[in-house]
Amino acid sequence: MKRLWLIAAITLVSCSRLPKPAEMQQFESERKARDGEELKLELPELVGHADAEYAKAVEAHDDKEKELLEHHAHLAALWWQSAQLRRDTREATESEKAVAKETAQLESELTEAKKRQKLAKATLDRMAQIIALEGKVTDSQEVNVARGAINEALAALKEAQAVDADTHAAANFAAAEAKLKAATDALGRGKTKDAQSFAIEAKAAAESAKREAEPKFTSTEADQAKMARAKALFDAVGQISGVSRSMVEGGVQVTVVEAFSASGGVDIQPMMEATFNKLAETAKTFSDYALVVEAHTDSKGNKSKNLQLSESRAKSVAAFLAAQGVAPDRMTALGKGSGEPVADNKTKDGRAKNRRIEILFVLSSK
C-alpha cells in the first residue's frame, strides 16, 4: 500500500512540472552548441545577460512560476538574439572591409554587405529598446497587444529596409521609424493604447515605404547585375591575346587588327585563328550577349570597293565564329569601309590600325 502511494505521488509531481517554453528550449539547444561557446568568447557581456536570465527562468521553472518562467525565458532569448545580431554586424563590417579591397567585379557584393550591416544595426537598436522595456512593464493583455503591434511594425520596417526603402522611399521610411519610436516610448511610459496606435501607424508607413521602394530596388539590382556581367565578360576577353578591349555603352567592344592574310583578302590568316577561336568560346560562355561584327578598312583604294571588302570580311568573321558553335542568329555582320578611321591613314602604322575588326558584345533583348 505504501509503495502504491509513493508511485502515485511521483506521478503527480511529474505531471505537475511546467513545460519549458519554446524560446527556452531553443536557447538551451543553441547555447550548448559549439557556436554558443564561440559566441560567449566573442561577446561575453551579451551572452552573460542571456545566461543570467536563463538561470532565472530555470529557477522559475523549478518553482512552477509560469509567468516568471515565460518572462525570463523571453528575456534570455532576446539577449541571445542580440548577441547573434551583434556578431552578424561585426561580420558584415569585416566583409565590407574585405570586399572594398577587391576589384569592381565585387561591387555588388559590397553593396549587399552594407545592406546587411545596416539592417542588422537597425534591428539591434530596436531589439535593445524592446529588451529595456521588457524589464519595466508587467505582463497584461494590453501590454501584450501593444508589444505584438510593435513587433509587427518592426518586422514591416525590416522588410522595407531589405529593399533599401530608407533610400528609395525616404519620407515613408522616416515616418515609420518615427512612429515606431513613439510606440516604444509610449509603451515605456505605460501608455499601452497609444503604443498600439503608434505601432499600427508605423506598420502602415513601413508597408507603404516597401511598396514605393520595391520597383526602384529591383531596377537597381538589375543594373548592378548587368554591370557585374559586363565586367566578367571584360575580364574574360582580357585573357585573349591579340585583341584590345573597352567598356562601352551597352556592352564590351573587342578590337582585332590585321586579321586577314592579304591586303584585299577576306580569309582570316592562320596565325589569327587561335584568337578568333577563343573569341568564339567566350561568346558561347556569355550566350546572353548578341554580337555585332564590324569590319573597317584603311583609306587606300576606292571607297566603294573598300565598303564591299569590309562587308565581305565582316561576314567572313561571323561565318568563322558560327563554325565554332556561335549561333548565327546572335550575330550581325556590318561593313563600315574606310569611313571611321581611328588613326592617321598617311602612315603605315595608322593604316594597320584602321584595318580592324570590331566585335561589340551587347546584352540580347531576346
Protein backbone atom coordinates (compact mmCIF):
# COMPACT_ATOMS: atom_id res chain seq x y z
CA MET A 1 0.00 0.00 0.00
CA LYS A 2 2.80 2.36 0.93
CA ARG A 3 4.54 1.52 -2.35
CA LEU A 4 1.39 2.38 -4.35
CA TRP A 5 1.10 5.69 -2.52
CA LEU A 6 4.74 6.57 -3.36
CA ILE A 7 4.23 5.77 -7.06
CA ALA A 8 1.11 7.95 -7.15
CA ALA A 9 2.97 10.83 -5.52
CA ILE A 10 5.85 10.64 -8.01
CA THR A 11 3.37 10.55 -10.89
CA LEU A 12 1.57 13.59 -9.51
CA VAL A 13 4.80 15.59 -9.17
CA SER A 14 5.89 14.59 -12.67
CA CYS A 15 2.59 15.68 -14.19
CA SER A 16 2.66 18.99 -12.34
CA ARG A 17 6.03 20.08 -13.79
CA LEU A 18 5.78 23.11 -16.05
CA PRO A 19 6.66 22.58 -19.72
CA LYS A 20 9.61 24.65 -20.86
CA PRO A 21 8.70 27.47 -23.29
CA ALA A 22 9.87 27.01 -26.89
CA GLU A 23 12.20 30.02 -26.53
CA MET A 24 13.89 28.39 -23.54
CA GLN A 25 14.32 25.09 -25.37
CA GLN A 26 15.79 26.82 -28.42
CA PHE A 27 18.17 28.82 -26.21
CA GLU A 28 19.35 25.64 -24.47
CA SER A 29 19.95 23.93 -27.81
CA GLU A 30 21.89 26.83 -29.35
CA ARG A 31 23.78 27.65 -26.14
CA LYS A 32 25.09 24.10 -25.79
CA ALA A 33 26.32 24.00 -29.38
CA ARG A 34 29.91 24.80 -30.24
CA ASP A 35 28.77 28.04 -31.84
CA GLY A 36 27.29 29.05 -28.48
CA GLU A 37 30.66 28.81 -26.72
CA GLU A 38 32.34 30.74 -29.54
CA LEU A 39 29.70 33.44 -29.25
CA LYS A 40 30.34 33.69 -25.49
CA LEU A 41 34.06 34.19 -26.09
CA GLU A 42 33.35 36.85 -28.69
CA LEU A 43 30.58 38.71 -26.84
CA PRO A 44 30.79 37.72 -23.14
CA GLU A 45 28.67 40.63 -21.86
CA LEU A 46 25.62 40.00 -24.02
CA VAL A 47 25.82 36.23 -23.59
CA GLY A 48 26.27 36.79 -19.86
CA HIS A 49 22.97 38.67 -19.73
CA ALA A 50 21.32 35.81 -21.62
CA ASP A 51 22.77 33.23 -19.22
CA ALA A 52 21.62 35.25 -16.20
CA GLU A 53 18.05 35.46 -17.49
CA TYR A 54 18.13 31.76 -18.34
CA ALA A 55 19.19 30.96 -14.78
CA LYS A 56 16.19 32.93 -13.52
CA ALA A 57 13.98 31.03 -15.94
CA VAL A 58 15.32 27.71 -14.60
CA GLU A 59 14.59 28.85 -11.06
CA ALA A 60 11.07 29.91 -12.04
CA HIS A 61 10.61 26.57 -13.77
CA ASP A 62 11.64 24.71 -10.63
CA ASP A 63 9.31 26.90 -8.55
CA LYS A 64 6.49 26.37 -11.05
CA GLU A 65 6.09 30.12 -11.58
CA LYS A 66 4.64 30.11 -15.09
CA GLU A 67 4.58 33.89 -15.72
CA LEU A 68 8.11 34.42 -14.40
CA LEU A 69 9.30 31.42 -16.40
CA GLU A 70 7.94 32.83 -19.65
CA HIS A 71 9.19 36.33 -18.81
CA HIS A 72 12.80 35.33 -18.09
CA ALA A 73 12.88 32.78 -20.92
CA HIS A 74 11.80 35.54 -23.31
CA LEU A 75 14.45 37.93 -21.98
CA ALA A 76 17.13 35.24 -22.30
CA ALA A 77 16.09 34.65 -25.91
CA LEU A 78 16.17 38.39 -26.66
CA TRP A 79 19.66 38.83 -25.18
CA TRP A 80 20.83 35.78 -27.13
CA GLN A 81 19.40 37.17 -30.36
CA SER A 82 21.09 40.50 -29.63
CA ALA A 83 24.44 38.74 -29.30
CA GLN A 84 23.88 36.93 -32.59
CA LEU A 85 22.91 40.17 -34.31
CA ARG A 86 25.95 41.98 -32.89
CA ARG A 87 28.17 39.22 -34.24
CA ASP A 88 26.44 39.46 -37.62
CA THR A 89 27.07 43.21 -37.59
CA ARG A 90 30.76 42.66 -36.95
CA GLU A 91 30.95 40.01 -39.65
CA ALA A 92 29.20 42.33 -42.09
CA THR A 93 31.68 45.10 -41.23
CA GLU A 94 34.63 42.77 -41.75
CA SER A 95 33.09 41.61 -45.01
CA GLU A 96 32.76 45.23 -46.10
CA LYS A 97 36.46 45.89 -45.42
CA ALA A 98 37.48 42.78 -47.35
CA VAL A 99 35.20 43.44 -50.29
CA ALA A 100 36.41 47.04 -50.52
CA LYS A 101 39.85 45.72 -51.50
CA GLU A 102 38.50 43.62 -54.34
CA THR A 103 38.04 44.65 -57.94
CA ALA A 104 34.99 46.40 -59.37
CA GLN A 105 33.61 42.94 -60.18
CA LEU A 106 32.76 42.57 -56.47
CA GLU A 107 31.00 45.91 -56.05
CA SER A 108 27.59 44.27 -55.91
CA GLU A 109 28.75 42.08 -53.00
CA LEU A 110 29.99 45.18 -51.16
CA THR A 111 26.57 46.80 -51.56
CA GLU A 112 24.91 43.68 -50.17
CA ALA A 113 27.27 43.61 -47.18
CA LYS A 114 26.48 47.25 -46.40
CA LYS A 115 22.79 46.46 -46.60
CA ARG A 116 23.15 43.54 -44.18
CA GLN A 117 25.15 45.71 -41.79
CA LYS A 118 22.57 48.50 -41.89
CA LEU A 119 19.69 46.08 -41.39
CA ALA A 120 21.45 44.26 -38.55
CA LYS A 121 22.26 47.53 -36.76
CA ALA A 122 18.71 48.84 -37.12
CA THR A 123 17.32 45.55 -35.80
CA LEU A 124 19.82 45.51 -32.94
CA ASP A 125 18.83 49.03 -31.88
CA ARG A 126 15.14 48.14 -31.88
CA MET A 127 15.86 44.90 -30.02
CA ALA A 128 17.73 46.84 -27.33
CA GLN A 129 14.74 49.13 -26.86
CA ILE A 130 12.40 46.18 -26.50
CA ILE A 131 14.75 44.44 -24.05
CA ALA A 132 14.84 47.60 -21.94
CA LEU A 133 11.06 47.75 -21.95
CA GLU A 134 10.67 44.06 -21.09
CA GLY A 135 12.22 44.68 -17.71
CA LYS A 136 9.98 47.65 -16.90
CA VAL A 137 6.50 46.54 -17.81
CA THR A 138 4.29 43.87 -16.34
CA ASP A 139 2.53 41.26 -18.36
CA SER A 140 -1.07 42.19 -19.12
CA GLN A 141 -3.41 41.78 -22.02
CA GLU A 142 -2.99 45.42 -23.10
CA VAL A 143 0.79 45.24 -22.85
CA ASN A 144 0.90 42.02 -24.88
CA VAL A 145 -1.30 43.54 -27.57
CA ALA A 146 0.83 46.68 -27.74
CA ARG A 147 4.03 44.66 -27.77
CA GLY A 148 2.67 42.46 -30.55
CA ALA A 149 1.80 45.53 -32.61
CA ILE A 150 5.31 46.91 -32.07
CA ASN A 151 6.87 43.61 -33.17
CA GLU A 152 4.72 43.62 -36.32
CA ALA A 153 5.81 47.19 -37.07
CA LEU A 154 9.45 46.24 -36.51
CA ALA A 155 9.09 43.28 -38.89
CA ALA A 156 7.50 45.54 -41.53
CA LEU A 157 10.31 48.05 -41.10
CA LYS A 158 12.91 45.29 -41.59
CA GLU A 159 11.18 44.21 -44.80
CA ALA A 160 11.21 47.80 -46.03
CA GLN A 161 14.90 48.14 -45.15
CA ALA A 162 15.64 44.99 -47.14
CA VAL A 163 14.62 46.81 -50.34
CA ASP A 164 16.56 49.97 -49.39
CA ALA A 165 13.41 51.91 -48.55
CA ASP A 166 15.49 54.33 -46.50
CA THR A 167 16.97 55.45 -49.82
CA HIS A 168 14.19 54.81 -52.34
CA ALA A 169 11.26 55.83 -50.10
CA ALA A 170 12.95 58.06 -47.57
CA ALA A 171 9.88 60.02 -46.41
CA ASN A 172 7.68 56.99 -45.69
CA PHE A 173 10.58 55.10 -44.11
CA ALA A 174 11.44 58.02 -41.81
CA ALA A 175 7.77 58.30 -40.83
CA ALA A 176 7.69 54.59 -39.99
CA GLU A 177 10.81 54.90 -37.83
CA ALA A 178 9.40 57.93 -36.02
CA LYS A 179 6.09 56.18 -35.31
CA LEU A 180 7.88 53.06 -34.09
CA LYS A 181 9.99 55.13 -31.72
CA ALA A 182 6.85 56.86 -30.47
CA ALA A 183 5.27 53.44 -29.90
CA THR A 184 8.21 52.09 -27.88
CA ASP A 185 8.41 55.34 -25.87
CA ALA A 186 4.68 55.17 -25.11
CA LEU A 187 4.98 51.56 -24.00
CA GLY A 188 7.83 52.51 -21.71
CA ARG A 189 5.59 55.11 -20.07
CA GLY A 190 2.80 52.58 -19.66
CA LYS A 191 0.63 54.19 -22.38
CA THR A 192 -0.32 50.89 -23.94
CA LYS A 193 -3.19 52.18 -26.10
CA ASP A 194 -1.02 54.97 -27.51
CA ALA A 195 1.77 52.45 -28.09
CA GLN A 196 -0.57 50.18 -30.05
CA SER A 197 -1.91 53.09 -32.11
CA PHE A 198 1.58 54.38 -32.98
CA ALA A 199 2.72 50.85 -33.83
CA ILE A 200 -0.18 50.36 -36.25
CA GLU A 201 0.70 53.65 -37.95
CA ALA A 202 4.36 52.62 -38.07
CA LYS A 203 3.50 49.33 -39.73
CA ALA A 204 1.33 51.08 -42.34
CA ALA A 205 4.10 53.59 -43.13
CA ALA A 206 6.68 50.81 -43.41
CA GLU A 207 4.48 48.84 -45.79
CA SER A 208 3.97 51.97 -47.91
CA ALA A 209 7.72 52.53 -47.95
CA LYS A 210 8.28 48.96 -49.08
CA ARG A 211 5.74 49.25 -51.91
CA GLU A 212 7.31 52.51 -53.06
CA ALA A 213 10.87 51.22 -52.88
CA GLU A 214 10.49 47.77 -54.46
CA PRO A 215 10.38 48.88 -58.15
CA LYS A 216 13.41 51.13 -57.71
CA PHE A 217 15.27 48.47 -55.75
CA THR A 218 14.56 45.85 -58.42
CA SER A 219 15.77 48.22 -61.13
CA THR A 220 18.95 48.99 -59.17
CA GLU A 221 19.63 45.29 -58.62
CA ALA A 222 19.15 44.62 -62.34
CA ASP A 223 21.59 47.41 -63.24
CA GLN A 224 24.15 46.07 -60.78
CA ALA A 225 23.77 42.55 -62.16
CA LYS A 226 24.16 43.84 -65.70
CA MET A 227 27.32 45.75 -64.77
CA ALA A 228 28.78 42.74 -62.97
CA ARG A 229 28.06 40.55 -66.00
CA ALA A 230 29.71 43.06 -68.35
CA LYS A 231 32.77 43.23 -66.08
CA ALA A 232 33.04 39.44 -66.09
CA LEU A 233 32.95 39.48 -69.91
CA PHE A 234 35.52 42.27 -69.99
CA ASP A 235 37.86 40.23 -67.77
CA ALA A 236 37.34 37.10 -69.86
CA VAL A 237 38.24 38.93 -73.07
CA GLY A 238 41.32 40.27 -71.34
CA GLN A 239 42.71 36.72 -71.24
CA ILE A 240 42.76 36.53 -75.04
CA SER A 241 45.98 37.56 -76.78
CA GLY A 242 45.86 39.62 -79.98
CA VAL A 243 42.85 41.76 -79.01
CA SER A 244 42.18 45.06 -77.30
CA ARG A 245 39.00 45.74 -75.33
CA SER A 246 36.96 48.56 -73.89
CA MET A 247 33.76 49.02 -71.88
CA VAL A 248 31.25 50.92 -74.00
CA GLU A 249 27.64 51.91 -73.56
CA GLY A 250 25.59 48.76 -73.94
CA GLY A 251 28.39 46.26 -73.53
CA VAL A 252 32.01 45.38 -74.31
CA GLN A 253 33.88 46.13 -77.53
CA VAL A 254 36.70 43.90 -78.76
CA THR A 255 39.13 45.04 -81.49
CA VAL A 256 41.35 42.83 -83.65
CA VAL A 257 43.79 44.36 -86.18
CA GLU A 258 45.46 42.82 -89.23
CA ALA A 259 43.19 39.79 -89.10
CA PHE A 260 43.36 38.99 -92.82
CA SER A 261 46.08 37.36 -94.84
CA ALA A 262 46.29 39.81 -97.77
CA SER A 263 45.54 43.47 -98.39
CA GLY A 264 42.42 42.54 -100.34
CA GLY A 265 41.80 39.14 -98.78
CA VAL A 266 38.69 38.03 -96.87
CA ASP A 267 40.10 34.92 -95.20
CA ILE A 268 41.34 35.07 -91.61
CA GLN A 269 45.07 34.47 -91.59
CA PRO A 270 46.10 31.20 -89.89
CA MET A 271 48.09 32.90 -87.12
CA MET A 272 44.92 34.73 -86.01
CA GLU A 273 42.63 31.70 -85.95
CA ALA A 274 43.51 30.89 -82.33
CA THR A 275 42.42 34.38 -81.33
CA PHE A 276 39.05 34.01 -83.05
CA ASN A 277 38.65 30.50 -81.61
CA LYS A 278 38.96 31.96 -78.11
CA LEU A 279 36.56 34.75 -79.00
CA ALA A 280 34.08 32.09 -80.11
CA GLU A 281 34.48 30.21 -76.80
CA THR A 282 33.91 33.45 -74.91
CA ALA A 283 30.82 34.20 -76.99
CA LYS A 284 29.42 30.75 -76.17
CA THR A 285 30.11 31.22 -72.47
CA PHE A 286 28.34 34.59 -72.50
CA SER A 287 25.40 33.36 -74.51
CA ASP A 288 23.16 36.15 -73.20
CA TYR A 289 25.06 38.62 -75.40
CA ALA A 290 24.42 39.37 -79.06
CA LEU A 291 27.41 40.14 -81.30
CA VAL A 292 27.74 42.97 -83.80
CA VAL A 293 30.73 42.24 -86.08
CA GLU A 294 32.05 45.35 -87.86
CA ALA A 295 34.89 45.35 -90.37
CA HIS A 296 36.88 48.52 -91.23
CA THR A 297 39.49 49.25 -93.91
CA ASP A 298 42.15 51.89 -94.43
CA SER A 299 41.63 54.67 -96.98
CA LYS A 300 43.73 53.21 -99.78
CA GLY A 301 41.78 52.39 -102.93
CA ASN A 302 38.21 53.05 -103.99
CA LYS A 303 35.71 53.85 -101.24
CA SER A 304 33.00 51.71 -102.81
CA LYS A 305 35.34 48.73 -103.12
CA ASN A 306 36.55 49.25 -99.56
CA LEU A 307 32.95 49.13 -98.36
CA GLN A 308 32.33 45.88 -100.26
CA LEU A 309 35.60 44.45 -98.93
CA SER A 310 34.66 45.33 -95.34
CA GLU A 311 31.23 43.72 -95.73
CA SER A 312 32.85 40.51 -97.00
CA ARG A 313 35.32 40.49 -94.11
CA ALA A 314 32.61 41.03 -91.52
CA LYS A 315 30.64 38.10 -92.97
CA SER A 316 33.82 36.00 -93.06
CA VAL A 317 34.41 36.58 -89.31
CA ALA A 318 30.77 35.81 -88.50
CA ALA A 319 30.96 32.62 -90.54
CA PHE A 320 34.16 31.58 -88.72
CA LEU A 321 32.54 32.13 -85.33
CA ALA A 322 29.43 30.24 -86.44
CA ALA A 323 31.62 27.30 -87.49
CA GLN A 324 32.96 27.24 -83.92
CA GLY A 325 29.46 26.96 -82.48
CA VAL A 326 28.26 30.55 -82.06
CA ALA A 327 24.58 30.73 -83.04
CA PRO A 328 24.25 32.69 -86.32
CA ASP A 329 21.07 34.42 -85.14
CA ARG A 330 23.09 36.09 -82.37
CA MET A 331 25.37 37.83 -84.88
CA THR A 332 25.03 40.83 -87.16
CA ALA A 333 27.79 41.47 -89.73
CA LEU A 334 28.37 45.05 -90.94
CA GLY A 335 30.90 46.53 -93.37
CA LYS A 336 31.97 50.07 -92.48
CA GLY A 337 34.55 50.67 -95.21
CA SER A 338 37.10 53.43 -94.56
CA GLY A 339 34.67 55.98 -93.15
CA GLU A 340 35.53 55.56 -89.45
CA PRO A 341 39.31 55.67 -89.06
CA VAL A 342 40.91 55.51 -85.61
CA ALA A 343 44.40 56.51 -86.76
CA ASP A 344 46.16 58.57 -89.46
CA ASN A 345 45.88 56.88 -92.88
CA LYS A 346 49.00 58.73 -94.03
CA THR A 347 51.27 56.39 -92.05
CA LYS A 348 51.80 52.66 -92.40
CA ASP A 349 51.14 52.10 -88.70
CA GLY A 350 47.99 54.20 -88.83
CA ARG A 351 46.63 52.27 -91.81
CA ALA A 352 47.31 48.98 -89.99
CA LYS A 353 45.25 50.17 -87.03
CA ASN A 354 42.41 51.19 -89.32
CA ARG A 355 42.28 47.72 -90.88
CA ARG A 356 40.43 46.23 -87.97
CA ILE A 357 37.57 44.03 -86.83
CA GLU A 358 35.40 45.34 -84.01
CA ILE A 359 33.08 42.94 -82.21
CA LEU A 360 30.53 44.55 -79.91
CA PHE A 361 29.10 42.25 -77.26
CA VAL A 362 25.71 43.67 -76.25
CA LEU A 363 23.11 42.12 -73.93
CA SER A 364 20.49 40.49 -76.08
CA SER A 365 16.85 41.58 -75.75
CA LYS A 366 15.65 38.06 -76.63
